[in-house]
Amino acid sequence: MFINWKLREINLKIVYYGPSLSGKTTSLQFIHSKTHPERRGELVSLKTREDRTLYFDYMQFQLGEIGGLKPRFNIYTVPGQVYYRGTRKLVLKGVDGIVFVADSQAVRLEENVQAIRDLKLDLKDLGFMPRDIPIILQCNKRDLPNIVPVETLKSHLGLNGVPTYESVAVRGTGVLDGLKSIVNQVVRKVQGKLSPGS
C-alpha cells in the first residue's frame, strides 16, 4: 500500500502467482482486455531473457473512496519458472493481495505445491506473515481432461477456507469473479487499517 497524498490516491498491489504456464498471463491479458480504457493503464511486459513479468495499473471507480482516497490497483504477474525466484520476490514486495493461479491438471499437482511453498517462503523473507495477506485460489484449466478435484487442490495447497474460483482463462471464464473477490478483500483490509481507532 502506498498513499499519494498529492493526488489523493491509494495505490494497492495485486500479484498473480503460480507455477509456469498455469494461466497467470492469460488471466491478466483477459482482465486488461475487458477493462474500460479509461480505467486501465497500458499492459507492460518486463522481460529479462525468457523471464516475463506483466503489469498494468487498474483504476476501479465504482469502489468509491477509501478513507477519502481513490483506489488504484497495480496488477502484476510473476514468472513461474523456479529459477526466477529472485524476480518473483521483487514483484511481491509491497503486495496487498494475491491470486494463486493453480494448473488443475493432475500431472501439474506437484508444481502447484512447489509454487505455494515458494510463495510462503518469499512472503516470510519479505517480512510478511502469509496468513495476513488476502489471497484467493483460481483453479485454472477446468475444461481439460484429467483434472484434480477442487477440494483436492485446496487440500494439497493448504488453502482450505480460501475463496476459490474455477476458471478457463483462455475463455475468460471465472477470471473476473476472482479479480472482484481479491479487490474486495484488499479494500476491506485497507479500510480496517485506515479507519480511526484501528
N, C-alpha and C. Protein backbone atom coordinates (compact mmCIF):
# COMPACT_ATOMS: atom_id res chain seq x y z
N MET A 1 0.85 -1.19 0.00
CA MET A 1 0.00 0.00 0.00
C MET A 1 0.88 1.24 0.00
N PHE A 2 0.60 2.14 -0.93
CA PHE A 2 1.32 3.40 -1.00
C PHE A 2 0.30 4.52 -1.20
N ILE A 3 0.38 5.54 -0.36
CA ILE A 3 -0.58 6.64 -0.47
C ILE A 3 0.09 7.85 -1.11
N ASN A 4 -0.52 8.35 -2.18
CA ASN A 4 -0.07 9.58 -2.83
C ASN A 4 -1.01 10.68 -2.36
N TRP A 5 -0.59 11.41 -1.33
CA TRP A 5 -1.46 12.42 -0.73
C TRP A 5 -1.75 13.57 -1.69
N LYS A 6 -0.78 13.85 -2.56
CA LYS A 6 -0.96 14.95 -3.51
C LYS A 6 -2.12 14.67 -4.46
N LEU A 7 -2.18 13.42 -4.97
CA LEU A 7 -3.25 13.03 -5.89
C LEU A 7 -4.46 12.45 -5.16
N ARG A 8 -4.33 12.31 -3.83
CA ARG A 8 -5.38 11.70 -3.01
C ARG A 8 -5.70 10.29 -3.53
N GLU A 9 -4.63 9.53 -3.81
CA GLU A 9 -4.78 8.17 -4.33
C GLU A 9 -4.12 7.17 -3.38
N ILE A 10 -4.73 6.00 -3.29
CA ILE A 10 -4.11 4.90 -2.56
C ILE A 10 -3.76 3.81 -3.57
N ASN A 11 -2.48 3.50 -3.67
CA ASN A 11 -2.01 2.50 -4.64
C ASN A 11 -1.91 1.14 -3.96
N LEU A 12 -2.59 0.17 -4.54
CA LEU A 12 -2.63 -1.17 -3.97
C LEU A 12 -2.12 -2.17 -5.00
N LYS A 13 -1.42 -3.19 -4.52
CA LYS A 13 -0.76 -4.13 -5.43
C LYS A 13 -1.35 -5.53 -5.30
N ILE A 14 -1.78 -6.06 -6.44
CA ILE A 14 -2.28 -7.44 -6.51
C ILE A 14 -1.34 -8.22 -7.43
N VAL A 15 -0.92 -9.39 -6.95
CA VAL A 15 0.02 -10.21 -7.72
C VAL A 15 -0.62 -11.56 -8.05
N TYR A 16 -0.55 -11.92 -9.32
CA TYR A 16 -0.97 -13.24 -9.79
C TYR A 16 0.24 -14.16 -9.72
N TYR A 17 0.17 -15.18 -8.88
CA TYR A 17 1.30 -16.05 -8.57
C TYR A 17 0.90 -17.49 -8.87
N GLY A 18 1.86 -18.30 -9.29
CA GLY A 18 1.58 -19.71 -9.55
C GLY A 18 2.68 -20.31 -10.39
N PRO A 19 2.60 -21.62 -10.67
CA PRO A 19 3.64 -22.27 -11.48
C PRO A 19 3.62 -21.76 -12.92
N SER A 20 4.68 -22.06 -13.64
CA SER A 20 4.75 -21.62 -15.04
C SER A 20 3.61 -22.25 -15.85
N LEU A 21 3.12 -21.49 -16.80
CA LEU A 21 2.07 -21.92 -17.73
C LEU A 21 0.76 -22.31 -17.03
N SER A 22 0.49 -21.74 -15.86
CA SER A 22 -0.76 -22.08 -15.16
C SER A 22 -1.91 -21.19 -15.62
N GLY A 23 -1.60 -20.07 -16.29
CA GLY A 23 -2.65 -19.18 -16.79
C GLY A 23 -2.60 -17.78 -16.20
N LYS A 24 -1.52 -17.43 -15.55
CA LYS A 24 -1.39 -16.09 -14.95
C LYS A 24 -1.43 -14.99 -16.01
N THR A 25 -0.58 -15.15 -17.02
CA THR A 25 -0.50 -14.14 -18.08
C THR A 25 -1.82 -14.06 -18.85
N THR A 26 -2.39 -15.21 -19.16
CA THR A 26 -3.67 -15.24 -19.89
C THR A 26 -4.76 -14.54 -19.09
N SER A 27 -4.77 -14.77 -17.77
CA SER A 27 -5.76 -14.11 -16.90
C SER A 27 -5.59 -12.60 -16.95
N LEU A 28 -4.34 -12.15 -16.83
CA LEU A 28 -4.08 -10.71 -16.82
C LEU A 28 -4.46 -10.07 -18.15
N GLN A 29 -4.13 -10.75 -19.24
CA GLN A 29 -4.47 -10.22 -20.56
C GLN A 29 -5.99 -10.11 -20.74
N PHE A 30 -6.72 -11.10 -20.22
CA PHE A 30 -8.18 -11.06 -20.32
C PHE A 30 -8.73 -9.89 -19.50
N ILE A 31 -8.25 -9.73 -18.27
CA ILE A 31 -8.71 -8.62 -17.41
C ILE A 31 -8.45 -7.29 -18.10
N HIS A 32 -7.26 -7.14 -18.66
CA HIS A 32 -6.89 -5.90 -19.33
C HIS A 32 -7.82 -5.64 -20.51
N SER A 33 -8.12 -6.69 -21.28
CA SER A 33 -8.96 -6.52 -22.48
C SER A 33 -10.40 -6.16 -22.12
N LYS A 34 -10.85 -6.57 -20.93
CA LYS A 34 -12.23 -6.33 -20.52
C LYS A 34 -12.39 -5.08 -19.66
N THR A 35 -11.30 -4.39 -19.39
CA THR A 35 -11.37 -3.18 -18.57
C THR A 35 -11.45 -1.96 -19.48
N HIS A 36 -12.36 -1.06 -19.17
CA HIS A 36 -12.55 0.15 -19.99
C HIS A 36 -11.22 0.90 -20.08
N PRO A 37 -10.83 1.35 -21.30
CA PRO A 37 -9.55 2.03 -21.47
C PRO A 37 -9.32 3.20 -20.51
N GLU A 38 -10.40 3.87 -20.11
CA GLU A 38 -10.23 5.00 -19.17
C GLU A 38 -9.85 4.53 -17.78
N ARG A 39 -10.07 3.24 -17.52
CA ARG A 39 -9.83 2.72 -16.18
C ARG A 39 -8.58 1.87 -16.08
N ARG A 40 -7.80 1.81 -17.13
CA ARG A 40 -6.61 0.98 -17.06
C ARG A 40 -5.43 1.64 -17.75
N GLY A 41 -4.25 1.29 -17.29
CA GLY A 41 -3.04 1.75 -17.94
C GLY A 41 -2.66 0.76 -19.04
N GLU A 42 -1.53 1.01 -19.64
CA GLU A 42 -1.03 0.14 -20.70
C GLU A 42 -0.54 -1.17 -20.10
N LEU A 43 -0.71 -2.26 -20.83
CA LEU A 43 -0.18 -3.56 -20.40
C LEU A 43 1.30 -3.59 -20.74
N VAL A 44 2.11 -3.63 -19.71
CA VAL A 44 3.56 -3.56 -19.90
C VAL A 44 4.16 -4.93 -19.64
N SER A 45 5.06 -5.35 -20.50
CA SER A 45 5.75 -6.62 -20.32
C SER A 45 7.22 -6.33 -20.03
N LEU A 46 7.66 -6.72 -18.85
CA LEU A 46 9.06 -6.53 -18.48
C LEU A 46 9.78 -7.83 -18.74
N LYS A 47 10.78 -7.79 -19.60
CA LYS A 47 11.43 -9.05 -19.98
C LYS A 47 12.91 -9.04 -19.61
N THR A 48 13.37 -10.19 -19.12
CA THR A 48 14.80 -10.43 -18.94
C THR A 48 15.04 -11.86 -19.41
N ARG A 49 15.74 -12.01 -20.49
CA ARG A 49 15.92 -13.32 -21.13
C ARG A 49 14.55 -13.95 -21.37
N GLU A 50 14.32 -15.19 -20.85
CA GLU A 50 12.99 -15.79 -21.11
C GLU A 50 11.98 -15.38 -20.06
N ASP A 51 12.42 -14.64 -19.07
CA ASP A 51 11.58 -14.24 -17.95
C ASP A 51 10.64 -13.12 -18.37
N ARG A 52 9.35 -13.29 -18.05
CA ARG A 52 8.41 -12.24 -18.43
C ARG A 52 7.49 -11.91 -17.27
N THR A 53 7.44 -10.65 -16.92
CA THR A 53 6.53 -10.18 -15.89
C THR A 53 5.60 -9.17 -16.55
N LEU A 54 4.31 -9.38 -16.38
CA LEU A 54 3.34 -8.44 -16.95
C LEU A 54 2.81 -7.53 -15.86
N TYR A 55 2.43 -6.35 -16.28
CA TYR A 55 1.98 -5.37 -15.29
C TYR A 55 1.04 -4.36 -15.95
N PHE A 56 0.01 -3.96 -15.23
CA PHE A 56 -0.72 -2.76 -15.62
C PHE A 56 -1.42 -2.19 -14.40
N ASP A 57 -1.72 -0.91 -14.46
CA ASP A 57 -2.47 -0.36 -13.34
C ASP A 57 -3.93 -0.27 -13.73
N TYR A 58 -4.78 -0.36 -12.73
CA TYR A 58 -6.20 -0.59 -12.94
C TYR A 58 -6.95 0.31 -11.98
N MET A 59 -7.74 1.20 -12.54
CA MET A 59 -8.48 2.15 -11.71
C MET A 59 -9.91 1.66 -11.58
N GLN A 60 -10.34 1.43 -10.36
CA GLN A 60 -11.69 0.91 -10.15
C GLN A 60 -12.56 2.02 -9.56
N PHE A 61 -13.23 2.77 -10.44
CA PHE A 61 -14.01 3.92 -9.98
C PHE A 61 -15.21 3.53 -9.13
N GLN A 62 -15.84 2.39 -9.45
CA GLN A 62 -17.08 2.04 -8.76
C GLN A 62 -16.90 1.81 -7.27
N LEU A 63 -15.69 1.53 -6.85
CA LEU A 63 -15.46 1.25 -5.44
C LEU A 63 -15.66 2.48 -4.57
N GLY A 64 -15.63 3.64 -5.19
CA GLY A 64 -15.70 4.85 -4.37
C GLY A 64 -14.36 5.09 -3.71
N GLU A 65 -14.37 5.79 -2.62
CA GLU A 65 -13.11 6.15 -1.98
C GLU A 65 -12.87 5.29 -0.75
N ILE A 66 -11.62 5.19 -0.38
CA ILE A 66 -11.22 4.50 0.84
C ILE A 66 -10.59 5.56 1.73
N GLY A 67 -11.27 5.95 2.78
CA GLY A 67 -10.73 6.98 3.68
C GLY A 67 -10.46 8.28 2.95
N GLY A 68 -11.33 8.63 1.99
CA GLY A 68 -11.16 9.87 1.23
C GLY A 68 -10.13 9.77 0.11
N LEU A 69 -9.63 8.56 -0.15
CA LEU A 69 -8.61 8.35 -1.19
C LEU A 69 -9.17 7.47 -2.30
N LYS A 70 -8.77 7.78 -3.56
CA LYS A 70 -9.20 6.97 -4.69
C LYS A 70 -8.29 5.75 -4.81
N PRO A 71 -8.88 4.54 -4.89
CA PRO A 71 -8.03 3.35 -5.04
C PRO A 71 -7.51 3.18 -6.47
N ARG A 72 -6.24 2.85 -6.57
CA ARG A 72 -5.64 2.48 -7.86
C ARG A 72 -4.91 1.17 -7.64
N PHE A 73 -5.28 0.17 -8.43
CA PHE A 73 -4.67 -1.14 -8.27
C PHE A 73 -3.58 -1.34 -9.31
N ASN A 74 -2.43 -1.82 -8.84
CA ASN A 74 -1.35 -2.22 -9.73
C ASN A 74 -1.38 -3.74 -9.77
N ILE A 75 -1.61 -4.30 -10.94
CA ILE A 75 -1.79 -5.75 -11.06
C ILE A 75 -0.60 -6.35 -11.82
N TYR A 76 0.02 -7.33 -11.20
CA TYR A 76 1.22 -7.96 -11.75
C TYR A 76 1.05 -9.46 -11.91
N THR A 77 1.83 -10.05 -12.82
CA THR A 77 2.06 -11.49 -12.80
C THR A 77 3.52 -11.68 -12.44
N VAL A 78 3.85 -12.88 -12.01
CA VAL A 78 5.26 -13.21 -11.78
C VAL A 78 5.65 -14.33 -12.73
N PRO A 79 6.94 -14.41 -13.09
CA PRO A 79 7.37 -15.55 -13.91
C PRO A 79 7.29 -16.81 -13.07
N GLY A 80 6.75 -17.89 -13.64
CA GLY A 80 6.52 -19.10 -12.87
C GLY A 80 7.71 -20.03 -12.72
N GLN A 81 8.70 -19.91 -13.62
CA GLN A 81 9.81 -20.85 -13.58
C GLN A 81 10.58 -20.73 -12.25
N VAL A 82 10.98 -21.88 -11.72
CA VAL A 82 11.63 -21.94 -10.41
C VAL A 82 12.86 -21.05 -10.35
N TYR A 83 13.63 -20.99 -11.45
CA TYR A 83 14.89 -20.24 -11.41
C TYR A 83 14.69 -18.72 -11.45
N TYR A 84 13.45 -18.25 -11.48
CA TYR A 84 13.22 -16.80 -11.41
C TYR A 84 12.69 -16.37 -10.05
N ARG A 85 13.09 -17.11 -9.03
CA ARG A 85 12.59 -16.82 -7.68
C ARG A 85 12.95 -15.40 -7.25
N GLY A 86 14.14 -14.93 -7.61
CA GLY A 86 14.55 -13.57 -7.25
C GLY A 86 13.62 -12.52 -7.83
N THR A 87 13.25 -12.70 -9.09
CA THR A 87 12.32 -11.77 -9.74
C THR A 87 10.96 -11.81 -9.06
N ARG A 88 10.50 -13.04 -8.74
CA ARG A 88 9.19 -13.18 -8.09
C ARG A 88 9.17 -12.45 -6.75
N LYS A 89 10.25 -12.58 -6.01
CA LYS A 89 10.32 -11.93 -4.70
C LYS A 89 10.27 -10.42 -4.85
N LEU A 90 10.95 -9.92 -5.87
CA LEU A 90 10.96 -8.49 -6.14
C LEU A 90 9.54 -7.99 -6.46
N VAL A 91 8.81 -8.75 -7.28
CA VAL A 91 7.45 -8.37 -7.65
C VAL A 91 6.52 -8.41 -6.44
N LEU A 92 6.76 -9.34 -5.52
CA LEU A 92 5.91 -9.48 -4.33
C LEU A 92 6.11 -8.36 -3.30
N LYS A 93 7.20 -7.63 -3.44
CA LYS A 93 7.48 -6.57 -2.46
C LYS A 93 6.31 -5.59 -2.40
N GLY A 94 5.79 -5.35 -1.20
CA GLY A 94 4.69 -4.40 -1.03
C GLY A 94 3.34 -4.92 -1.49
N VAL A 95 3.19 -6.26 -1.63
CA VAL A 95 1.93 -6.83 -2.12
C VAL A 95 0.80 -6.62 -1.11
N ASP A 96 -0.41 -6.38 -1.64
CA ASP A 96 -1.60 -6.23 -0.79
C ASP A 96 -2.57 -7.39 -0.94
N GLY A 97 -2.49 -8.13 -2.06
CA GLY A 97 -3.38 -9.27 -2.28
C GLY A 97 -2.79 -10.19 -3.34
N ILE A 98 -3.09 -11.49 -3.20
CA ILE A 98 -2.52 -12.49 -4.11
C ILE A 98 -3.62 -13.35 -4.71
N VAL A 99 -3.52 -13.57 -6.03
CA VAL A 99 -4.35 -14.56 -6.71
C VAL A 99 -3.40 -15.71 -7.05
N PHE A 100 -3.60 -16.85 -6.39
CA PHE A 100 -2.77 -18.01 -6.71
C PHE A 100 -3.46 -18.77 -7.83
N VAL A 101 -2.81 -18.82 -8.99
CA VAL A 101 -3.38 -19.49 -10.16
C VAL A 101 -2.79 -20.89 -10.24
N ALA A 102 -3.62 -21.89 -9.93
CA ALA A 102 -3.19 -23.28 -9.96
C ALA A 102 -3.58 -23.91 -11.29
N ASP A 103 -2.70 -24.75 -11.81
CA ASP A 103 -2.99 -25.55 -13.01
C ASP A 103 -3.72 -26.80 -12.53
N SER A 104 -4.97 -26.98 -12.94
CA SER A 104 -5.81 -28.08 -12.43
C SER A 104 -5.42 -29.47 -12.91
N GLN A 105 -4.52 -29.57 -13.89
CA GLN A 105 -4.16 -30.88 -14.42
C GLN A 105 -3.44 -31.73 -13.37
N ALA A 106 -3.82 -33.00 -13.29
CA ALA A 106 -3.23 -33.91 -12.29
C ALA A 106 -1.71 -33.96 -12.41
N VAL A 107 -1.20 -33.91 -13.64
CA VAL A 107 0.26 -34.00 -13.84
C VAL A 107 1.01 -32.77 -13.32
N ARG A 108 0.28 -31.69 -13.04
CA ARG A 108 0.93 -30.44 -12.56
C ARG A 108 0.78 -30.23 -11.04
N LEU A 109 0.18 -31.22 -10.35
CA LEU A 109 -0.11 -31.05 -8.92
C LEU A 109 1.15 -30.71 -8.12
N GLU A 110 2.23 -31.45 -8.34
CA GLU A 110 3.45 -31.21 -7.56
C GLU A 110 4.03 -29.82 -7.84
N GLU A 111 3.91 -29.35 -9.10
CA GLU A 111 4.40 -28.00 -9.43
C GLU A 111 3.59 -26.92 -8.70
N ASN A 112 2.28 -27.16 -8.57
CA ASN A 112 1.44 -26.23 -7.80
C ASN A 112 1.89 -26.19 -6.34
N VAL A 113 2.14 -27.37 -5.78
CA VAL A 113 2.56 -27.47 -4.38
C VAL A 113 3.89 -26.76 -4.18
N GLN A 114 4.82 -26.96 -5.11
CA GLN A 114 6.13 -26.29 -5.02
C GLN A 114 5.96 -24.77 -5.10
N ALA A 115 5.06 -24.31 -5.97
CA ALA A 115 4.84 -22.86 -6.13
C ALA A 115 4.26 -22.24 -4.86
N ILE A 116 3.34 -22.94 -4.20
CA ILE A 116 2.76 -22.38 -2.96
C ILE A 116 3.80 -22.36 -1.85
N ARG A 117 4.69 -23.37 -1.83
CA ARG A 117 5.79 -23.37 -0.86
C ARG A 117 6.69 -22.16 -1.09
N ASP A 118 7.04 -21.94 -2.36
CA ASP A 118 7.88 -20.80 -2.72
C ASP A 118 7.22 -19.48 -2.31
N LEU A 119 5.92 -19.38 -2.56
CA LEU A 119 5.19 -18.16 -2.21
C LEU A 119 5.29 -17.89 -0.70
N LYS A 120 5.05 -18.91 0.09
CA LYS A 120 5.11 -18.73 1.55
C LYS A 120 6.51 -18.33 2.01
N LEU A 121 7.52 -18.96 1.41
CA LEU A 121 8.92 -18.61 1.76
C LEU A 121 9.24 -17.18 1.34
N ASP A 122 8.82 -16.81 0.13
CA ASP A 122 9.07 -15.45 -0.37
C ASP A 122 8.42 -14.41 0.54
N LEU A 123 7.18 -14.67 0.95
CA LEU A 123 6.48 -13.72 1.81
C LEU A 123 7.18 -13.58 3.16
N LYS A 124 7.62 -14.71 3.71
CA LYS A 124 8.34 -14.67 5.00
C LYS A 124 9.64 -13.89 4.85
N ASP A 125 10.37 -14.16 3.76
CA ASP A 125 11.63 -13.44 3.50
C ASP A 125 11.41 -11.93 3.41
N LEU A 126 10.22 -11.54 2.93
CA LEU A 126 9.90 -10.11 2.79
C LEU A 126 9.28 -9.53 4.06
N GLY A 127 9.18 -10.35 5.10
CA GLY A 127 8.67 -9.85 6.37
C GLY A 127 7.16 -9.93 6.54
N PHE A 128 6.48 -10.65 5.63
CA PHE A 128 5.03 -10.82 5.74
C PHE A 128 4.71 -12.10 6.50
N MET A 129 3.61 -12.11 7.19
CA MET A 129 3.04 -13.37 7.68
C MET A 129 2.05 -13.79 6.59
N PRO A 130 2.29 -14.92 5.93
CA PRO A 130 1.43 -15.31 4.81
C PRO A 130 -0.07 -15.23 5.12
N ARG A 131 -0.47 -15.58 6.34
CA ARG A 131 -1.91 -15.57 6.67
C ARG A 131 -2.47 -14.14 6.74
N ASP A 132 -1.60 -13.13 6.80
CA ASP A 132 -2.06 -11.75 6.88
C ASP A 132 -2.33 -11.11 5.52
N ILE A 133 -1.96 -11.80 4.45
CA ILE A 133 -2.15 -11.26 3.10
C ILE A 133 -3.42 -11.86 2.50
N PRO A 134 -4.37 -11.03 2.05
CA PRO A 134 -5.55 -11.58 1.37
C PRO A 134 -5.13 -12.42 0.17
N ILE A 135 -5.74 -13.60 0.05
CA ILE A 135 -5.40 -14.50 -1.06
C ILE A 135 -6.66 -15.21 -1.54
N ILE A 136 -6.72 -15.44 -2.85
CA ILE A 136 -7.76 -16.31 -3.39
C ILE A 136 -7.08 -17.37 -4.24
N LEU A 137 -7.80 -18.47 -4.46
CA LEU A 137 -7.30 -19.55 -5.30
C LEU A 137 -8.10 -19.57 -6.60
N GLN A 138 -7.38 -19.48 -7.72
CA GLN A 138 -8.01 -19.60 -9.04
C GLN A 138 -7.58 -20.94 -9.62
N CYS A 139 -8.50 -21.90 -9.66
CA CYS A 139 -8.21 -23.23 -10.22
C CYS A 139 -8.45 -23.15 -11.71
N ASN A 140 -7.38 -23.07 -12.46
CA ASN A 140 -7.48 -22.83 -13.90
C ASN A 140 -7.47 -24.14 -14.70
N LYS A 141 -7.82 -24.01 -15.98
CA LYS A 141 -7.83 -25.12 -16.95
C LYS A 141 -8.86 -26.19 -16.59
N ARG A 142 -10.01 -25.75 -16.07
CA ARG A 142 -11.04 -26.69 -15.64
C ARG A 142 -11.72 -27.39 -16.82
N ASP A 143 -11.41 -26.96 -18.05
CA ASP A 143 -12.00 -27.57 -19.24
C ASP A 143 -11.20 -28.76 -19.75
N LEU A 144 -10.03 -29.02 -19.16
CA LEU A 144 -9.16 -30.07 -19.69
C LEU A 144 -9.48 -31.43 -19.06
N PRO A 145 -9.09 -32.53 -19.75
CA PRO A 145 -9.28 -33.85 -19.14
C PRO A 145 -8.25 -34.07 -18.02
N ASN A 146 -8.46 -35.07 -17.20
CA ASN A 146 -7.52 -35.45 -16.13
C ASN A 146 -7.18 -34.30 -15.19
N ILE A 147 -8.24 -33.65 -14.69
CA ILE A 147 -8.01 -32.57 -13.74
C ILE A 147 -8.29 -33.06 -12.31
N VAL A 148 -7.66 -32.37 -11.38
CA VAL A 148 -7.79 -32.71 -9.96
C VAL A 148 -9.05 -32.03 -9.41
N PRO A 149 -9.84 -32.71 -8.57
CA PRO A 149 -11.00 -32.04 -7.96
C PRO A 149 -10.54 -30.81 -7.16
N VAL A 150 -11.38 -29.78 -7.14
CA VAL A 150 -11.04 -28.52 -6.47
C VAL A 150 -10.67 -28.76 -5.00
N GLU A 151 -11.44 -29.60 -4.32
CA GLU A 151 -11.18 -29.85 -2.90
C GLU A 151 -9.79 -30.48 -2.69
N THR A 152 -9.39 -31.35 -3.62
CA THR A 152 -8.06 -31.97 -3.54
C THR A 152 -6.97 -30.92 -3.72
N LEU A 153 -7.18 -30.03 -4.70
CA LEU A 153 -6.21 -28.95 -4.92
C LEU A 153 -6.06 -28.09 -3.67
N LYS A 154 -7.20 -27.68 -3.10
CA LYS A 154 -7.18 -26.82 -1.91
C LYS A 154 -6.44 -27.51 -0.77
N SER A 155 -6.70 -28.79 -0.59
CA SER A 155 -6.08 -29.55 0.49
C SER A 155 -4.56 -29.65 0.30
N HIS A 156 -4.12 -30.01 -0.91
CA HIS A 156 -2.69 -30.14 -1.18
C HIS A 156 -1.96 -28.80 -1.05
N LEU A 157 -2.66 -27.72 -1.39
CA LEU A 157 -2.03 -26.39 -1.34
C LEU A 157 -2.15 -25.73 0.04
N GLY A 158 -2.89 -26.37 0.94
CA GLY A 158 -3.08 -25.77 2.27
C GLY A 158 -3.92 -24.51 2.19
N LEU A 159 -4.86 -24.47 1.24
CA LEU A 159 -5.69 -23.28 1.04
C LEU A 159 -7.17 -23.54 1.33
N ASN A 160 -7.44 -24.47 2.25
CA ASN A 160 -8.82 -24.68 2.68
C ASN A 160 -9.31 -23.40 3.35
N GLY A 161 -10.55 -23.03 3.09
CA GLY A 161 -11.10 -21.81 3.70
C GLY A 161 -10.81 -20.55 2.91
N VAL A 162 -10.05 -20.68 1.83
CA VAL A 162 -9.72 -19.53 0.98
C VAL A 162 -10.76 -19.43 -0.14
N PRO A 163 -11.25 -18.21 -0.48
CA PRO A 163 -12.20 -18.10 -1.61
C PRO A 163 -11.59 -18.73 -2.87
N THR A 164 -12.36 -19.57 -3.53
CA THR A 164 -11.84 -20.35 -4.65
C THR A 164 -12.74 -20.19 -5.87
N TYR A 165 -12.09 -20.05 -7.02
CA TYR A 165 -12.81 -19.84 -8.28
C TYR A 165 -12.28 -20.80 -9.33
N GLU A 166 -13.19 -21.46 -10.02
CA GLU A 166 -12.79 -22.32 -11.14
C GLU A 166 -12.73 -21.44 -12.38
N SER A 167 -11.70 -21.66 -13.19
CA SER A 167 -11.56 -20.80 -14.37
C SER A 167 -11.07 -21.55 -15.60
N VAL A 168 -11.37 -20.92 -16.74
CA VAL A 168 -10.78 -21.32 -18.02
C VAL A 168 -10.28 -20.00 -18.60
N ALA A 169 -9.05 -19.66 -18.26
CA ALA A 169 -8.53 -18.32 -18.57
C ALA A 169 -8.51 -18.01 -20.07
N VAL A 170 -8.30 -19.02 -20.91
CA VAL A 170 -8.28 -18.76 -22.36
C VAL A 170 -9.63 -18.26 -22.87
N ARG A 171 -10.70 -18.57 -22.13
CA ARG A 171 -12.03 -18.07 -22.49
C ARG A 171 -12.48 -16.95 -21.55
N GLY A 172 -11.71 -16.72 -20.50
CA GLY A 172 -12.06 -15.68 -19.53
C GLY A 172 -13.02 -16.15 -18.45
N THR A 173 -13.44 -17.42 -18.52
CA THR A 173 -14.40 -17.95 -17.53
C THR A 173 -13.82 -17.89 -16.13
N GLY A 174 -14.55 -17.25 -15.22
CA GLY A 174 -14.16 -17.21 -13.81
C GLY A 174 -13.06 -16.22 -13.45
N VAL A 175 -12.43 -15.62 -14.45
CA VAL A 175 -11.28 -14.75 -14.18
C VAL A 175 -11.71 -13.45 -13.49
N LEU A 176 -12.76 -12.81 -14.00
CA LEU A 176 -13.21 -11.54 -13.41
C LEU A 176 -13.82 -11.75 -12.02
N ASP A 177 -14.45 -12.91 -11.81
CA ASP A 177 -15.00 -13.22 -10.48
C ASP A 177 -13.88 -13.25 -9.45
N GLY A 178 -12.78 -13.89 -9.81
CA GLY A 178 -11.63 -13.96 -8.91
C GLY A 178 -11.05 -12.59 -8.64
N LEU A 179 -10.95 -11.76 -9.69
CA LEU A 179 -10.41 -10.41 -9.51
C LEU A 179 -11.29 -9.59 -8.56
N LYS A 180 -12.61 -9.65 -8.77
CA LYS A 180 -13.52 -8.89 -7.90
C LYS A 180 -13.36 -9.32 -6.45
N SER A 181 -13.21 -10.62 -6.25
CA SER A 181 -13.07 -11.15 -4.89
C SER A 181 -11.81 -10.62 -4.21
N ILE A 182 -10.67 -10.66 -4.90
CA ILE A 182 -9.43 -10.21 -4.26
C ILE A 182 -9.45 -8.70 -4.06
N VAL A 183 -10.03 -7.95 -5.01
CA VAL A 183 -10.14 -6.50 -4.86
C VAL A 183 -10.97 -6.17 -3.62
N ASN A 184 -12.10 -6.86 -3.45
CA ASN A 184 -12.95 -6.60 -2.28
C ASN A 184 -12.24 -6.94 -0.97
N GLN A 185 -11.50 -8.04 -0.96
CA GLN A 185 -10.75 -8.42 0.25
C GLN A 185 -9.70 -7.37 0.60
N VAL A 186 -8.97 -6.93 -0.42
CA VAL A 186 -7.91 -5.94 -0.20
C VAL A 186 -8.51 -4.64 0.32
N VAL A 187 -9.61 -4.21 -0.29
CA VAL A 187 -10.26 -2.96 0.12
C VAL A 187 -10.73 -3.04 1.57
N ARG A 188 -11.35 -4.18 1.93
CA ARG A 188 -11.81 -4.35 3.32
C ARG A 188 -10.65 -4.26 4.31
N LYS A 189 -9.55 -4.89 3.94
CA LYS A 189 -8.37 -4.89 4.83
C LYS A 189 -7.82 -3.47 4.98
N VAL A 190 -7.73 -2.73 3.88
CA VAL A 190 -7.20 -1.37 3.92
C VAL A 190 -8.14 -0.44 4.68
N GLN A 191 -9.45 -0.62 4.47
CA GLN A 191 -10.42 0.20 5.23
C GLN A 191 -10.24 -0.01 6.72
N GLY A 192 -9.98 -1.26 7.11
CA GLY A 192 -9.74 -1.56 8.52
C GLY A 192 -8.50 -0.85 9.06
N LYS A 193 -7.46 -0.80 8.21
CA LYS A 193 -6.21 -0.13 8.63
C LYS A 193 -6.38 1.37 8.73
N LEU A 194 -7.18 1.94 7.80
CA LEU A 194 -7.30 3.40 7.73
C LEU A 194 -8.39 3.98 8.64
N SER A 195 -9.27 3.09 9.13
CA SER A 195 -10.37 3.61 9.95
C SER A 195 -9.84 4.06 11.31
N PRO A 196 -10.40 5.14 11.87
CA PRO A 196 -9.93 5.66 13.14
C PRO A 196 -10.04 4.59 14.23
N GLY A 197 -9.01 4.54 15.06
CA GLY A 197 -9.02 3.63 16.18
C GLY A 197 -8.57 2.21 15.84
N SER A 198 -8.17 1.98 14.55
CA SER A 198 -7.72 0.62 14.22
C SER A 198 -6.24 0.48 14.48
